Amino acid sequence: VLNLQKNSITHEGAKRIASALKHNDSLKELNLCGNCSGDIGASAIAEALKVNRTLSTLNLQSNSISNNGATALTAALTLNEGLTDLNLRENSISLNGAREIAK
């Protein structure tokens, strides 16, 4: 478990975390709640999810993510079979964005 909740992590920090996730084979839970990674950070995390097979829980609550970030995460989820819990509460995702994720 890695808890980085409320650490003022921007999209630059999220990119670095994503880079590490691409090579990590032991982390199961990542909490990034209450940061400011936005769509750029969400897209970077999404790219990591395409290759990461160990992360099962990802909390991106309150990260200023909109439909663009949600779309990137949705695309990654089609390739990732390990992630079972994704928290996107309190972001700027519209009803249409939520529908895309739910597909």
Protein backbone atom coordinates (compact mmCIF):
# COMPACT_ATOMS: atom_id res chain seq x y z
CA VAL A 1 0.00 0.00 0.00
CA LEU A 2 1.27 3.45 -0.96
CA ASN A 3 -0.73 6.34 0.49
CA LEU A 4 0.10 9.70 -1.11
CA GLN A 5 -3.20 11.34 -0.20
CA LYS A 6 -3.25 15.17 -0.11
CA ASN A 7 0.39 15.73 -1.08
CA SER A 8 -0.18 18.43 -3.71
CA ILE A 9 0.95 16.03 -6.44
CA THR A 10 0.56 17.68 -9.84
CA HIS A 11 0.56 16.11 -13.28
CA GLU A 12 4.38 16.12 -13.19
CA GLY A 13 4.41 14.03 -10.03
CA ALA A 14 1.74 11.76 -11.46
CA LYS A 15 3.92 11.20 -14.54
CA ARG A 16 6.78 10.09 -12.30
CA ILE A 17 4.52 7.78 -10.32
CA ALA A 18 3.19 6.35 -13.59
CA SER A 19 6.72 5.71 -14.79
CA ALA A 20 7.45 3.75 -11.61
CA LEU A 21 4.18 1.82 -11.92
CA LYS A 22 5.21 0.55 -15.34
CA HIS A 23 8.09 -1.34 -13.74
CA ASN A 24 6.58 -2.21 -10.37
CA ASP A 25 5.47 -5.77 -9.72
CA SER A 26 4.53 -5.64 -6.05
CA LEU A 27 2.33 -2.60 -5.27
CA LYS A 28 -1.31 -3.58 -4.80
CA GLU A 29 -2.92 -0.33 -3.61
CA LEU A 30 -2.20 3.29 -4.55
CA ASN A 31 -4.02 6.20 -2.93
CA LEU A 32 -3.64 9.52 -4.76
CA CYS A 33 -6.82 11.06 -3.32
CA GLY A 34 -6.91 14.84 -2.92
CA ASN A 35 -4.09 15.76 -5.26
CA CYS A 36 -4.15 17.82 -8.47
CA SER A 37 -2.98 15.47 -11.17
CA GLY A 38 -5.76 16.43 -13.60
CA ASP A 39 -6.25 14.88 -17.02
CA ILE A 40 -2.55 14.84 -17.86
CA GLY A 41 -1.75 12.90 -14.70
CA ALA A 42 -4.71 10.56 -15.21
CA SER A 43 -3.54 9.87 -18.76
CA ALA A 44 -0.04 9.08 -17.53
CA ILE A 45 -1.44 6.71 -14.90
CA ALA A 46 -3.63 5.15 -17.59
CA GLU A 47 -0.58 4.40 -19.74
CA ALA A 48 1.01 2.67 -16.76
CA LEU A 49 -2.13 0.61 -16.16
CA LYS A 50 -1.80 -0.82 -19.66
CA VAL A 51 1.33 -2.71 -18.55
CA ASN A 52 1.01 -2.95 -14.76
CA ARG A 53 -0.52 -6.25 -13.64
CA THR A 54 -0.27 -6.04 -9.84
CA LEU A 55 -2.18 -2.89 -8.86
CA SER A 56 -5.67 -3.85 -7.71
CA THR A 57 -6.85 -0.64 -6.03
CA LEU A 58 -6.40 2.91 -7.33
CA ASN A 59 -7.88 5.95 -5.60
CA LEU A 60 -7.97 9.06 -7.79
CA GLN A 61 -10.72 10.82 -5.86
CA SER A 62 -10.58 14.65 -5.99
CA ASN A 63 -7.88 15.02 -8.64
CA SER A 64 -9.52 17.49 -11.06
CA ILE A 65 -10.03 14.76 -13.65
CA SER A 66 -12.54 15.46 -16.44
CA ASN A 67 -13.94 13.35 -19.27
CA ASN A 68 -10.56 13.42 -21.06
CA GLY A 69 -8.80 11.71 -18.17
CA ALA A 70 -11.71 9.34 -17.74
CA THR A 71 -11.49 8.36 -21.40
CA ALA A 72 -7.78 7.57 -21.05
CA LEU A 73 -8.45 5.46 -17.95
CA THR A 74 -11.28 3.64 -19.73
CA ALA A 75 -8.99 2.70 -22.61
CA ALA A 76 -6.42 1.37 -20.14
CA LEU A 77 -9.01 -0.71 -18.31
CA THR A 78 -9.71 -2.69 -21.46
CA LEU A 79 -6.11 -3.96 -21.28
CA ASN A 80 -5.73 -4.24 -17.51
CA GLU A 81 -7.19 -7.29 -15.79
CA GLY A 82 -5.72 -6.69 -12.33
CA LEU A 83 -7.40 -3.44 -11.28
CA THR A 84 -10.61 -4.23 -9.41
CA ASP A 85 -11.23 -0.99 -7.49
CA LEU A 86 -11.03 2.45 -9.11
CA ASN A 87 -12.25 5.49 -7.16
CA LEU A 88 -12.99 8.56 -9.30
CA ARG A 89 -15.38 10.33 -6.91
CA GLU A 90 -15.37 14.11 -6.64
CA ASN A 91 -13.85 14.77 -10.06
CA SER A 92 -15.29 16.69 -13.01
CA ILE A 93 -16.54 13.68 -14.94
CA SER A 94 -19.90 14.20 -16.62
CA LEU A 95 -22.68 11.66 -16.92
CA ASN A 96 -21.46 10.75 -20.41
CA GLY A 97 -17.95 10.24 -19.08
CA ALA A 98 -19.29 7.99 -16.34
CA ARG A 99 -21.23 5.99 -18.91
CA GLU A 100 -18.02 5.43 -20.91
CA ILE A 101 -16.24 4.12 -17.82
CA ALA A 102 -19.16 1.83 -16.98
CA LYS A 103 -19.12 0.08 -20.39
